Amino acid sequence: MINNFSSTLQNRAWPIITLFILLVAPFALQFHLHYPDEMYYTDAAIKMMQNGDYLTTYLGSGELRFKKPILTYWTALAGFKIFGISAFSSRIFFLLSGAAIVFLVHRIAHLIFNQKNISQIATCIAASHGLIIFSSTRSIPDILLALFMTVSALGVTGLIKYGNEAAKKYLWMFYIGIGLAFEVKGLPAAALGGIALIYLLVNPWQRISWKKMAHLPSILTMLIIGLFWFWAMYIKFGPTYLNSFIKDQVGIRVGSKLLLIGTNFGLAVVLYFAMFFPWIVPGIQAIKKQLSKVTNINTAFFGFVITWSISMILMTSMVSVFYERYLLPVLPLSAAALAWLIAQNPKGLKNKTIKWTSCVFLCLNLIVILTALYLNLGLGTFTFLTALGVMISTAILIALYISFKKSWQPATVLTTAILLLFFSLSLFTKVISLPDQGVQTAKHIQSIGLPEGSKIAFIGNLHTSSKIRIALGTSYSLVNLSKVAYQDQLAAFDYLICDENTKQDLKTKDYKVEVASTNWNAKYIPDILLSILEGSQDTWREKGVKKYYWLEKQ
């Protein structure tokens, strides 16, 4: 039975995509972790719902922000509109975008290679890629940029396969993908799209005529989609709005020091390959043994993969601050190419590195599950949902162990073990991160019966204010104040949420002060675990927390 289940996973894309969504969702759709840049998009989306202006983007302080085009804001907004304002709705479409990338990788591999085993290996590589998974758990532009550039890459793949006889749908994919990607992040999409277009026109293996590429309906649609928001902002604010956008896209991002560029280049190259571990090991072995076959089959496709990847690495090298997520747009396409290489290896996925990495992830899952069980029981946080989660993760782990011992479908075992780790982690991190400060603060405000529409000032970590703003929804106006120069602004607010340091600086005799939220400090986790053994866990409930306070003028 387990063998049949494993074979089903290996022979189709949808089971892996379903596992991707279901196993990552518990970790992604609550604030176990909150990435700093998420606040820009969720804060602006809530502001859009409050003021009815769906084109202009604002910070939590009320200041305008034009650094990124509109589509990421609209993605967060769509979640809020459909599912209500919550952590779940702020991220659901980003998680689904990650799942869509996995599907597109399967389609690219199937289109160019037309072999089930290669398509399934590609699906597993994409679904288990750490950067794709983590990016799918954050409401920021990178996963959307990767999604739409992968749509464009699917169009390129169709054009490479069929040449000048390719169906028009591939031109639509190519151009619409670029247009949507440009509306997500601007110039990186234009650069990658331009490089792809030049490659299609000049590559010597499957050159596409310029007449074929000059498909006006899809080109005009691309331009309308990509430039719509920029035109709207020009009409509303004039050319001054471009200063912020260009500064972010060029002025801040692009570095000029040779040492910095060299360092970034080295990091980009190392990470590009390292992030495909362990899949890359049998792929490299295939290149060593069958180099002539690699260079003689699907040359135009591999040339495109190499061209795009090198271009992305070079662009990433030029930034002033390096982030591994900048490589994300070319990783899905690279996954499809790597799958072909693995399939050419006589040993394939029976490689020792694949086997031992699977073993490591199975052991990590066991450790995390046992630690979560210990922590929840020790701190008295063990609930029915926790028990259900432990049973599900344990059952999947046992099934994977049996498959591992019998050498059934190694790609499926490794992929599922990696995805299961995120599910297992959610059982552990919920103790120290949930309910998040936003949910706790909102419950406190509801308990005191604060009138809707009240203005509330916030002083503290801006990521915390973002979570509070999501929990409060559109019922209240939460305004971020500067931690340095807030004194002159306080007179305009009767209500204030602040951190410990701000509370100590304020004249609290003028306020009624209550604790609004508490959260475990992650640095105390080892001490918390030890305190359970010592039976002194109750002391850490106060000692190991971060607090936010509710202040109301008297």
Protein backbone atom coordinates (compact mmCIF):
# COMPACT_ATOMS: atom_id res chain seq x y z
CA MET A 1 0.00 0.00 0.00
CA ILE A 2 2.78 2.40 0.96
CA ASN A 3 4.66 1.45 -2.20
CA ASN A 4 1.57 2.22 -4.32
CA PHE A 5 1.16 5.57 -2.54
CA SER A 6 4.83 6.41 -3.14
CA SER A 7 4.56 5.43 -6.81
CA THR A 8 1.52 7.69 -7.22
CA LEU A 9 3.49 10.58 -5.79
CA GLN A 10 6.36 9.91 -8.14
CA ASN A 11 4.30 9.55 -11.31
CA ARG A 12 2.21 12.72 -11.05
CA ALA A 13 2.80 16.37 -10.22
CA TRP A 14 -0.37 17.13 -8.28
CA PRO A 15 0.37 14.96 -5.20
CA ILE A 16 3.71 16.73 -4.67
CA ILE A 17 2.07 20.12 -5.18
CA THR A 18 -0.66 19.15 -2.69
CA LEU A 19 1.96 18.07 -0.16
CA PHE A 20 3.78 21.35 -0.72
CA ILE A 21 0.66 23.32 0.17
CA LEU A 22 -0.58 21.17 3.06
CA LEU A 23 2.75 20.63 4.82
CA VAL A 24 4.02 24.19 4.46
CA ALA A 25 0.68 25.88 5.20
CA PRO A 26 0.66 25.45 9.01
CA PHE A 27 4.06 27.16 9.17
CA ALA A 28 3.37 29.76 6.48
CA LEU A 29 -0.14 30.93 7.28
CA GLN A 30 0.48 32.02 10.85
CA PHE A 31 3.18 34.32 12.17
CA HIS A 32 5.65 31.71 13.36
CA LEU A 33 8.16 33.98 11.63
CA HIS A 34 7.58 37.47 10.28
CA TYR A 35 9.91 38.70 7.56
CA PRO A 36 10.76 42.43 7.91
CA ASP A 37 9.63 43.54 4.42
CA GLU A 38 6.16 42.02 4.76
CA MET A 39 4.97 45.07 6.68
CA TYR A 40 5.32 47.33 3.63
CA TYR A 41 2.75 45.35 1.65
CA THR A 42 0.26 44.36 4.36
CA ASP A 43 0.26 47.85 5.93
CA ALA A 44 -0.42 49.44 2.54
CA ALA A 45 -3.14 46.90 1.68
CA ILE A 46 -5.01 47.65 4.92
CA LYS A 47 -4.66 51.37 4.27
CA MET A 48 -6.15 50.82 0.80
CA MET A 49 -9.19 49.18 2.36
CA GLN A 50 -9.56 52.05 4.83
CA ASN A 51 -9.32 54.94 2.38
CA GLY A 52 -10.62 53.29 -0.81
CA ASP A 53 -7.53 54.30 -2.82
CA TYR A 54 -6.26 51.07 -4.40
CA LEU A 55 -3.41 52.62 -6.39
CA THR A 56 -1.45 54.62 -3.81
CA THR A 57 0.76 52.81 -1.30
CA TYR A 58 1.42 54.06 2.22
CA LEU A 59 3.67 53.09 5.12
CA GLY A 60 2.28 52.44 8.59
CA SER A 61 3.31 55.98 9.51
CA GLY A 62 1.06 57.40 6.77
CA GLU A 63 3.98 58.34 4.49
CA LEU A 64 3.85 57.54 0.77
CA ARG A 65 6.01 54.69 -0.53
CA PHE A 66 6.77 54.25 -4.24
CA LYS A 67 9.72 51.83 -4.11
CA LYS A 68 7.88 48.88 -5.66
CA PRO A 69 5.13 48.57 -8.29
CA ILE A 70 1.60 47.69 -7.27
CA LEU A 71 1.08 43.97 -7.89
CA THR A 72 2.52 42.66 -4.61
CA TYR A 73 0.30 45.09 -2.68
CA TRP A 74 -2.70 43.90 -4.66
CA THR A 75 -1.84 40.25 -3.92
CA ALA A 76 -1.96 40.93 -0.18
CA LEU A 77 -5.09 43.03 -0.72
CA ALA A 78 -6.80 40.18 -2.61
CA GLY A 79 -6.23 37.87 0.34
CA PHE A 80 -7.71 40.45 2.72
CA LYS A 81 -10.72 41.08 0.47
CA ILE A 82 -11.54 37.40 -0.03
CA PHE A 83 -10.70 35.87 3.35
CA GLY A 84 -10.79 38.84 5.71
CA ILE A 85 -7.75 40.50 7.28
CA SER A 86 -5.55 37.94 9.04
CA ALA A 87 -2.12 36.34 8.94
CA PHE A 88 -3.63 33.55 6.82
CA SER A 89 -5.05 35.88 4.20
CA SER A 90 -1.91 38.02 4.05
CA ARG A 91 0.12 35.03 2.83
CA ILE A 92 -2.25 32.56 1.19
CA PHE A 93 -1.71 33.77 -2.38
CA PHE A 94 2.05 33.84 -1.89
CA LEU A 95 1.97 30.20 -0.75
CA LEU A 96 -0.17 29.30 -3.77
CA SER A 97 2.31 31.16 -5.99
CA GLY A 98 5.07 28.86 -4.70
CA ALA A 99 2.89 25.85 -5.50
CA ALA A 100 2.23 27.29 -8.98
CA ILE A 101 6.00 27.52 -9.55
CA VAL A 102 6.33 23.81 -8.76
CA PHE A 103 3.61 23.09 -11.33
CA LEU A 104 5.30 25.29 -13.96
CA VAL A 105 8.64 23.54 -13.42
CA HIS A 106 6.88 20.24 -14.12
CA ARG A 107 5.37 21.70 -17.30
CA ILE A 108 8.72 23.10 -18.52
CA ALA A 109 10.45 19.75 -17.98
CA HIS A 110 7.60 17.84 -19.64
CA LEU A 111 7.51 20.23 -22.60
CA ILE A 112 11.21 20.16 -23.41
CA PHE A 113 12.12 16.56 -22.42
CA ASN A 114 8.77 14.71 -22.65
CA GLN A 115 9.84 12.05 -20.14
CA LYS A 116 7.80 11.36 -17.00
CA ASN A 117 10.77 10.54 -14.79
CA ILE A 118 12.49 13.83 -15.65
CA SER A 119 9.31 15.83 -15.08
CA GLN A 120 8.80 14.22 -11.66
CA ILE A 121 12.40 14.74 -10.58
CA ALA A 122 12.07 18.40 -11.60
CA THR A 123 8.86 18.67 -9.56
CA CYS A 124 10.58 17.23 -6.50
CA ILE A 125 13.60 19.52 -6.85
CA ALA A 126 11.41 22.61 -7.05
CA ALA A 127 9.07 21.54 -4.22
CA SER A 128 11.96 20.81 -1.86
CA HIS A 129 14.05 23.89 -2.69
CA GLY A 130 14.55 25.83 0.53
CA LEU A 131 14.46 29.26 -1.08
CA ILE A 132 11.22 28.51 -2.94
CA ILE A 133 9.65 27.21 0.28
CA PHE A 134 10.74 30.12 2.47
CA SER A 135 9.79 32.70 -0.16
CA SER A 136 6.32 31.12 -0.32
CA THR A 137 5.84 31.82 3.40
CA ARG A 138 6.34 35.60 3.06
CA SER A 139 4.13 38.30 1.61
CA ILE A 140 6.94 39.98 -0.35
CA PRO A 141 7.57 40.39 -4.11
CA ASP A 142 10.21 37.71 -4.68
CA ILE A 143 7.96 34.65 -5.04
CA LEU A 144 5.64 36.57 -7.39
CA LEU A 145 8.59 37.74 -9.48
CA ALA A 146 9.80 34.13 -9.72
CA LEU A 147 6.30 32.92 -10.62
CA PHE A 148 5.80 35.32 -13.51
CA MET A 149 9.34 34.94 -14.83
CA THR A 150 8.77 31.17 -14.79
CA VAL A 151 5.59 31.72 -16.83
CA SER A 152 7.77 33.67 -19.26
CA ALA A 153 10.37 30.87 -19.19
CA LEU A 154 7.67 28.35 -20.11
CA GLY A 155 6.91 30.53 -23.13
CA VAL A 156 10.60 30.60 -24.06
CA THR A 157 10.77 26.80 -23.70
CA GLY A 158 7.86 26.37 -26.11
CA LEU A 159 9.51 28.71 -28.61
CA ILE A 160 12.79 26.82 -28.33
CA LYS A 161 11.09 23.46 -28.81
CA TYR A 162 8.91 24.38 -31.77
CA GLY A 163 10.88 27.24 -33.29
CA ASN A 164 9.09 29.50 -35.74
CA GLU A 165 6.19 27.01 -35.83
CA ALA A 166 5.48 27.51 -32.12
CA ALA A 167 1.88 28.24 -31.16
CA LYS A 168 0.98 31.82 -30.27
CA LYS A 169 0.21 30.77 -26.69
CA TYR A 170 3.95 30.63 -26.04
CA LEU A 171 4.35 34.23 -27.17
CA TRP A 172 1.52 35.22 -24.84
CA MET A 173 3.19 33.38 -21.96
CA PHE A 174 6.52 35.02 -22.70
CA TYR A 175 5.28 38.60 -22.92
CA ILE A 176 2.51 38.49 -20.29
CA GLY A 177 4.92 36.89 -17.83
CA ILE A 178 7.36 39.77 -18.31
CA GLY A 179 4.60 42.37 -17.97
CA LEU A 180 3.30 40.89 -14.71
CA ALA A 181 6.82 40.47 -13.35
CA PHE A 182 7.59 44.11 -14.15
CA GLU A 183 4.47 45.13 -12.23
CA VAL A 184 5.87 43.17 -9.29
CA LYS A 185 9.47 44.38 -9.10
CA GLY A 186 10.36 46.59 -12.04
CA LEU A 187 13.77 46.55 -13.67
CA PRO A 188 14.94 42.99 -12.80
CA ALA A 189 11.99 41.65 -14.78
CA ALA A 190 12.75 43.93 -17.73
CA ALA A 191 16.42 42.88 -17.69
CA LEU A 192 15.69 39.14 -17.63
CA GLY A 193 12.95 39.53 -20.22
CA GLY A 194 15.23 41.50 -22.52
CA ILE A 195 18.00 38.92 -22.21
CA ALA A 196 15.54 36.13 -23.04
CA LEU A 197 14.30 38.03 -26.10
CA ILE A 198 17.83 38.64 -27.38
CA TYR A 199 18.69 34.99 -26.80
CA LEU A 200 15.69 33.81 -28.81
CA LEU A 201 16.64 36.11 -31.70
CA VAL A 202 20.37 35.33 -31.89
CA ASN A 203 21.09 31.87 -30.45
CA PRO A 204 22.57 29.63 -33.19
CA TRP A 205 20.66 26.42 -32.30
CA GLN A 206 16.99 27.41 -32.48
CA ARG A 207 16.83 30.98 -33.67
CA ILE A 208 13.40 32.64 -33.76
CA SER A 209 12.69 35.24 -36.43
CA TRP A 210 12.00 38.78 -35.35
CA LYS A 211 8.73 38.65 -37.31
CA LYS A 212 7.60 35.77 -35.10
CA MET A 213 8.55 37.65 -31.93
CA ALA A 214 6.88 40.88 -33.11
CA HIS A 215 3.46 39.70 -31.99
CA LEU A 216 1.76 43.05 -31.41
CA PRO A 217 -1.30 41.89 -29.39
CA SER A 218 0.82 40.21 -26.71
CA ILE A 219 3.46 42.97 -26.75
CA LEU A 220 0.86 45.71 -26.30
CA THR A 221 -0.82 43.73 -23.51
CA MET A 222 2.56 43.33 -21.81
CA LEU A 223 3.18 47.08 -22.00
CA ILE A 224 -0.27 47.94 -20.66
CA ILE A 225 0.10 45.54 -17.72
CA GLY A 226 3.68 46.50 -16.93
CA LEU A 227 3.31 50.28 -17.21
CA PHE A 228 -0.24 50.76 -15.93
CA TRP A 229 0.67 51.67 -12.34
CA PHE A 230 3.54 53.92 -13.42
CA TRP A 231 1.23 55.85 -15.71
CA ALA A 232 -1.40 56.14 -12.97
CA MET A 233 1.16 57.47 -10.47
CA TYR A 234 2.47 59.95 -13.04
CA ILE A 235 -1.06 61.28 -13.57
CA LYS A 236 -1.62 61.56 -9.82
CA PHE A 237 1.77 62.76 -8.51
CA GLY A 238 3.78 63.86 -11.54
CA PRO A 239 7.36 62.72 -12.20
CA THR A 240 8.50 63.20 -8.57
CA TYR A 241 7.19 59.75 -7.57
CA LEU A 242 9.88 58.21 -9.80
CA ASN A 243 12.66 59.47 -7.53
CA SER A 244 11.85 56.93 -4.82
CA PHE A 245 11.37 54.10 -7.33
CA ILE A 246 14.61 54.78 -9.24
CA LYS A 247 16.57 55.21 -6.01
CA ASP A 248 15.40 51.78 -4.84
CA GLN A 249 15.90 50.08 -8.22
CA VAL A 250 19.22 51.66 -9.14
CA GLY A 251 20.61 54.05 -6.55
CA ILE A 252 20.36 51.77 -3.51
CA ARG A 253 20.56 48.38 -5.17
CA VAL A 254 23.56 48.87 -7.42
CA GLY A 255 26.98 48.92 -5.84
CA SER A 256 30.11 50.46 -7.37
CA LYS A 257 33.01 49.07 -5.35
CA LEU A 258 34.95 46.31 -7.09
CA LEU A 259 35.59 44.38 -3.87
CA LEU A 260 31.88 44.40 -3.05
CA ILE A 261 30.99 43.25 -6.57
CA GLY A 262 33.58 40.46 -6.38
CA THR A 263 32.32 39.33 -2.98
CA ASN A 264 28.71 39.33 -4.12
CA PHE A 265 29.65 37.42 -7.26
CA GLY A 266 31.40 34.72 -5.23
CA LEU A 267 28.45 34.45 -2.85
CA ALA A 268 25.96 34.28 -5.72
CA VAL A 269 27.87 31.50 -7.51
CA VAL A 270 28.33 29.44 -4.35
CA LEU A 271 24.72 29.84 -3.24
CA TYR A 272 23.31 29.17 -6.70
CA PHE A 273 24.83 25.69 -6.65
CA ALA A 274 24.71 25.06 -2.89
CA MET A 275 20.97 25.70 -2.70
CA PHE A 276 20.38 22.72 -5.00
CA PHE A 277 22.12 20.33 -2.61
CA PRO A 278 21.84 17.32 -2.54
CA TRP A 279 20.19 17.09 -5.98
CA ILE A 280 23.18 18.70 -7.64
CA VAL A 281 25.57 15.84 -6.71
CA PRO A 282 24.20 13.23 -9.16
CA GLY A 283 23.78 16.04 -11.69
CA ILE A 284 27.49 16.92 -11.53
CA GLN A 285 28.39 13.23 -11.82
CA ALA A 286 26.31 13.02 -14.99
CA ILE A 287 28.18 15.96 -16.54
CA LYS A 288 31.51 14.32 -15.79
CA LYS A 289 30.54 11.03 -17.40
CA GLN A 290 28.41 12.19 -20.33
CA LEU A 291 29.60 15.66 -21.25
CA SER A 292 29.19 15.11 -24.99
CA LYS A 293 25.57 13.99 -24.53
CA VAL A 294 24.88 17.02 -22.37
CA THR A 295 26.18 19.38 -25.04
CA ASN A 296 24.49 17.65 -28.00
CA ILE A 297 20.90 17.27 -26.74
CA ASN A 298 18.51 20.20 -26.22
CA THR A 299 21.42 22.58 -26.68
CA ALA A 300 19.24 25.64 -27.21
CA PHE A 301 17.35 24.99 -23.96
CA PHE A 302 20.49 24.45 -21.90
CA GLY A 303 22.03 27.51 -23.52
CA PHE A 304 19.05 29.54 -22.35
CA VAL A 305 19.28 28.16 -18.81
CA ILE A 306 22.98 29.01 -18.64
CA THR A 307 22.49 32.46 -20.16
CA TRP A 308 19.68 33.38 -17.77
CA SER A 309 21.48 31.98 -14.73
CA ILE A 310 24.75 33.79 -15.49
CA SER A 311 22.83 37.00 -16.16
CA MET A 312 21.03 36.75 -12.81
CA ILE A 313 24.28 36.04 -10.97
CA LEU A 314 25.92 39.06 -12.60
CA MET A 315 22.96 41.32 -11.78
CA THR A 316 22.96 40.07 -8.20
CA SER A 317 26.67 40.82 -7.95
CA MET A 318 26.02 44.50 -8.63
CA VAL A 319 23.73 45.09 -5.64
CA SER A 320 24.91 47.05 -2.62
CA VAL A 321 23.31 44.57 -0.20
CA PHE A 322 23.29 40.90 -1.23
CA TYR A 323 20.28 38.66 -0.53
CA GLU A 324 20.09 35.05 -1.67
CA ARG A 325 16.45 35.61 -2.69
CA TYR A 326 17.64 37.74 -5.61
CA LEU A 327 18.60 34.47 -7.35
CA LEU A 328 15.07 33.08 -7.06
CA PRO A 329 13.77 34.02 -10.57
CA VAL A 330 16.15 31.60 -12.35
CA LEU A 331 16.02 28.70 -9.89
CA PRO A 332 12.79 27.10 -11.24
CA LEU A 333 14.21 26.91 -14.77
CA SER A 334 17.48 25.57 -13.38
CA ALA A 335 15.56 22.85 -11.53
CA ALA A 336 14.19 21.52 -14.82
CA ALA A 337 17.68 21.41 -16.37
CA LEU A 338 19.13 19.70 -13.30
CA ALA A 339 16.42 17.03 -13.44
CA TRP A 340 17.55 16.08 -16.94
CA LEU A 341 21.14 15.77 -15.77
CA ILE A 342 20.14 13.52 -12.87
CA ALA A 343 18.18 11.29 -15.24
CA GLN A 344 21.35 10.78 -17.34
CA ASN A 345 23.27 9.46 -14.33
CA PRO A 346 23.28 5.64 -14.38
CA LYS A 347 22.82 5.58 -10.59
CA GLY A 348 20.34 8.45 -10.70
CA LEU A 349 18.67 9.09 -7.37
CA LYS A 350 20.27 6.04 -5.76
CA ASN A 351 23.24 8.30 -5.15
CA LYS A 352 24.65 8.02 -1.59
CA THR A 353 24.33 11.77 -1.06
CA ILE A 354 20.60 11.63 -1.76
CA LYS A 355 20.25 8.67 0.58
CA TRP A 356 22.17 10.21 3.46
CA THR A 357 20.49 13.59 3.10
CA SER A 358 17.12 11.83 3.30
CA CYS A 359 18.31 10.10 6.45
CA VAL A 360 19.35 13.44 7.95
CA PHE A 361 15.96 15.03 7.28
CA LEU A 362 14.13 12.00 8.68
CA CYS A 363 16.20 12.31 11.87
CA LEU A 364 15.63 16.07 12.04
CA ASN A 365 11.89 15.52 11.82
CA LEU A 366 12.03 13.00 14.65
CA ILE A 367 14.04 15.41 16.82
CA VAL A 368 11.68 18.32 16.13
CA ILE A 369 8.55 16.22 16.79
CA LEU A 370 9.94 14.92 20.10
CA THR A 371 11.09 18.41 21.13
CA ALA A 372 7.68 19.88 20.28
CA LEU A 373 5.99 17.15 22.31
CA TYR A 374 8.32 17.79 25.26
CA LEU A 375 7.86 21.57 25.10
CA ASN A 376 4.08 21.49 24.78
CA LEU A 377 3.62 18.97 27.58
CA GLY A 378 6.14 20.73 29.84
CA LEU A 379 4.59 24.17 29.42
CA GLY A 380 0.99 22.99 29.51
CA THR A 381 0.23 24.08 25.94
CA PHE A 382 -0.71 20.64 24.61
CA THR A 383 -4.09 20.92 22.88
CA PHE A 384 -6.23 18.73 20.64
CA LEU A 385 -4.81 20.44 17.53
CA THR A 386 -1.27 19.87 18.81
CA ALA A 387 -2.04 16.19 19.38
CA LEU A 388 -3.53 15.93 15.89
CA GLY A 389 -0.46 17.61 14.38
CA VAL A 390 1.89 15.26 16.23
CA MET A 391 -0.08 12.21 15.05
CA ILE A 392 -0.08 13.40 11.42
CA SER A 393 3.64 14.20 11.36
CA THR A 394 4.48 10.91 13.09
CA ALA A 395 2.38 8.88 10.66
CA ILE A 396 4.00 10.55 7.65
CA LEU A 397 7.44 10.06 9.19
CA ILE A 398 6.82 6.33 9.70
CA ALA A 399 5.62 5.96 6.10
CA LEU A 400 8.72 7.77 4.87
CA TYR A 401 10.99 5.60 7.00
CA ILE A 402 9.47 2.43 5.53
CA SER A 403 9.89 3.82 2.01
CA PHE A 404 13.46 4.82 2.84
CA LYS A 405 14.38 1.36 4.15
CA LYS A 406 12.89 -0.36 1.11
CA SER A 407 14.45 2.17 -1.31
CA TRP A 408 11.06 3.19 -2.73
CA GLN A 409 11.02 6.44 -4.70
CA PRO A 410 14.03 8.27 -3.16
CA ALA A 411 13.03 11.62 -4.73
CA THR A 412 9.62 11.47 -3.10
CA VAL A 413 11.07 10.47 0.29
CA LEU A 414 13.58 13.35 0.31
CA THR A 415 11.07 15.93 -0.91
CA THR A 416 8.38 14.91 1.58
CA ALA A 417 10.90 14.77 4.45
CA ILE A 418 11.97 18.35 3.72
CA LEU A 419 8.37 19.58 3.48
CA LEU A 420 7.40 17.64 6.62
CA LEU A 421 10.10 19.48 8.56
CA PHE A 422 8.17 22.74 8.11
CA PHE A 423 4.99 21.08 9.35
CA SER A 424 6.86 19.65 12.34
CA LEU A 425 8.48 23.00 13.11
CA SER A 426 5.06 24.63 13.36
CA LEU A 427 4.28 22.34 16.32
CA PHE A 428 7.43 23.58 18.04
CA THR A 429 7.43 27.29 17.20
CA LYS A 430 3.75 27.84 18.03
CA VAL A 431 4.66 27.66 21.73
CA ILE A 432 6.97 30.67 21.52
CA SER A 433 5.30 32.65 18.73
CA LEU A 434 1.53 32.05 18.89
CA PRO A 435 -0.78 33.73 19.46
CA ASP A 436 1.33 36.55 18.05
CA GLN A 437 1.48 40.03 19.58
CA GLY A 438 -1.06 41.31 17.09
CA VAL A 439 -3.73 38.77 18.05
CA GLN A 440 -3.08 39.31 21.77
CA THR A 441 -3.24 43.10 21.46
CA ALA A 442 -6.43 42.99 19.40
CA LYS A 443 -8.09 40.78 22.05
CA HIS A 444 -7.06 43.26 24.74
CA ILE A 445 -8.50 46.21 22.78
CA GLN A 446 -11.75 44.33 22.18
CA SER A 447 -11.98 43.46 25.88
CA ILE A 448 -11.89 47.13 26.92
CA GLY A 449 -14.52 48.10 24.36
CA LEU A 450 -12.52 50.72 22.48
CA PRO A 451 -14.80 52.63 20.08
CA GLU A 452 -14.29 51.76 16.41
CA GLY A 453 -12.48 54.41 14.39
CA SER A 454 -10.22 55.35 17.32
CA LYS A 455 -6.70 56.51 16.45
CA ILE A 456 -3.92 54.56 18.16
CA ALA A 457 -0.23 55.49 18.17
CA PHE A 458 2.45 52.80 18.08
CA ILE A 459 6.08 53.08 19.21
CA GLY A 460 8.32 50.06 18.98
CA ASN A 461 9.38 47.38 16.52
CA LEU A 462 7.63 48.10 13.22
CA HIS A 463 7.20 44.39 12.48
CA THR A 464 5.11 44.13 15.64
CA SER A 465 2.99 47.09 14.55
CA SER A 466 2.33 45.31 11.26
CA LYS A 467 1.03 42.22 13.06
CA ILE A 468 -1.13 44.39 15.32
CA ARG A 469 -2.50 46.27 12.30
CA ILE A 470 -3.47 42.96 10.67
CA ALA A 471 -5.18 41.75 13.85
CA LEU A 472 -7.09 45.03 14.25
CA GLY A 473 -8.20 45.12 10.61
CA THR A 474 -9.89 48.27 9.37
CA SER A 475 -11.75 49.03 12.60
CA TYR A 476 -9.02 51.24 14.02
CA SER A 477 -6.35 53.61 12.70
CA LEU A 478 -2.92 52.49 13.95
CA VAL A 479 -0.16 55.03 13.22
CA ASN A 480 3.55 54.31 13.63
CA LEU A 481 5.50 57.04 15.41
CA SER A 482 9.26 57.49 15.29
CA LYS A 483 11.07 56.01 18.29
CA VAL A 484 13.37 59.06 18.25
CA ALA A 485 10.98 61.97 17.72
CA TYR A 486 7.57 60.90 18.99
CA GLN A 487 7.10 63.35 21.88
CA ASP A 488 5.63 66.16 19.78
CA GLN A 489 3.10 63.79 18.19
CA LEU A 490 1.70 62.14 21.30
CA ALA A 491 -0.74 64.96 22.03
CA ALA A 492 -2.83 63.89 19.01
CA PHE A 493 -3.45 60.42 20.43
CA ASP A 494 -5.42 59.24 23.46
CA TYR A 495 -4.24 55.66 23.04
CA LEU A 496 -0.73 54.29 22.68
CA ILE A 497 0.89 50.87 22.23
CA CYS A 498 4.60 50.79 23.06
CA ASP A 499 7.51 48.58 24.03
CA GLU A 500 9.26 48.36 27.39
CA ASN A 501 11.91 50.98 26.62
CA THR A 502 9.35 53.57 25.51
CA LYS A 503 7.19 52.90 28.57
CA GLN A 504 10.15 53.63 30.82
CA ASP A 505 10.85 56.92 29.03
CA LEU A 506 7.27 58.15 29.17
CA LYS A 507 5.60 59.89 32.08
CA THR A 508 3.37 56.96 32.75
CA LYS A 509 1.55 58.79 35.57
CA ASP A 510 -0.42 60.50 32.80
CA TYR A 511 -1.59 57.13 31.48
CA LYS A 512 -3.45 54.05 32.56
CA VAL A 513 -0.96 51.26 31.74
CA GLU A 514 -1.82 47.61 30.99
CA VAL A 515 0.06 44.72 29.40
CA ALA A 516 -1.27 44.27 25.86
CA SER A 517 0.81 41.28 24.75
CA THR A 518 3.64 39.01 25.81
CA ASN A 519 5.85 36.87 23.63
CA TRP A 520 8.63 34.42 24.38
CA ASN A 521 12.10 35.70 23.56
CA ALA A 522 13.68 33.13 21.25
CA LYS A 523 17.10 33.49 22.86
CA TYR A 524 15.70 31.91 26.01
CA ILE A 525 14.60 28.67 24.32
CA PRO A 526 17.51 26.57 25.70
CA ASP A 527 16.79 27.90 29.20
CA ILE A 528 13.07 27.19 28.80
CA LEU A 529 13.78 23.60 27.74
CA LEU A 530 16.12 23.14 30.71
CA SER A 531 13.66 24.71 33.15
CA ILE A 532 11.08 22.05 32.29
CA LEU A 533 13.50 19.37 33.47
CA GLU A 534 14.15 21.35 36.64
CA GLY A 535 10.46 22.01 37.23
CA SER A 536 11.00 25.77 37.24
CA GLN A 537 9.26 26.62 33.97
CA ASP A 538 6.84 29.02 35.62
CA THR A 539 9.69 31.42 36.44
CA TRP A 540 10.55 31.67 32.75
CA ARG A 541 7.00 32.67 31.85
CA GLU A 542 7.86 36.13 33.13
CA LYS A 543 11.62 36.17 32.73
CA GLY A 544 11.73 35.05 29.10
CA VAL A 545 9.13 37.28 27.49
CA LYS A 546 8.94 40.47 25.47
CA LYS A 547 6.03 42.74 26.41
CA TYR A 548 4.03 45.45 24.70
CA TYR A 549 1.88 47.83 26.72
CA TRP A 550 -1.47 49.52 26.23
CA LEU A 551 -1.46 53.13 27.47
CA GLU A 552 -4.62 55.19 27.76
CA LYS A 553 -4.64 58.87 28.73
CA GLN A 554 -6.31 59.57 32.06
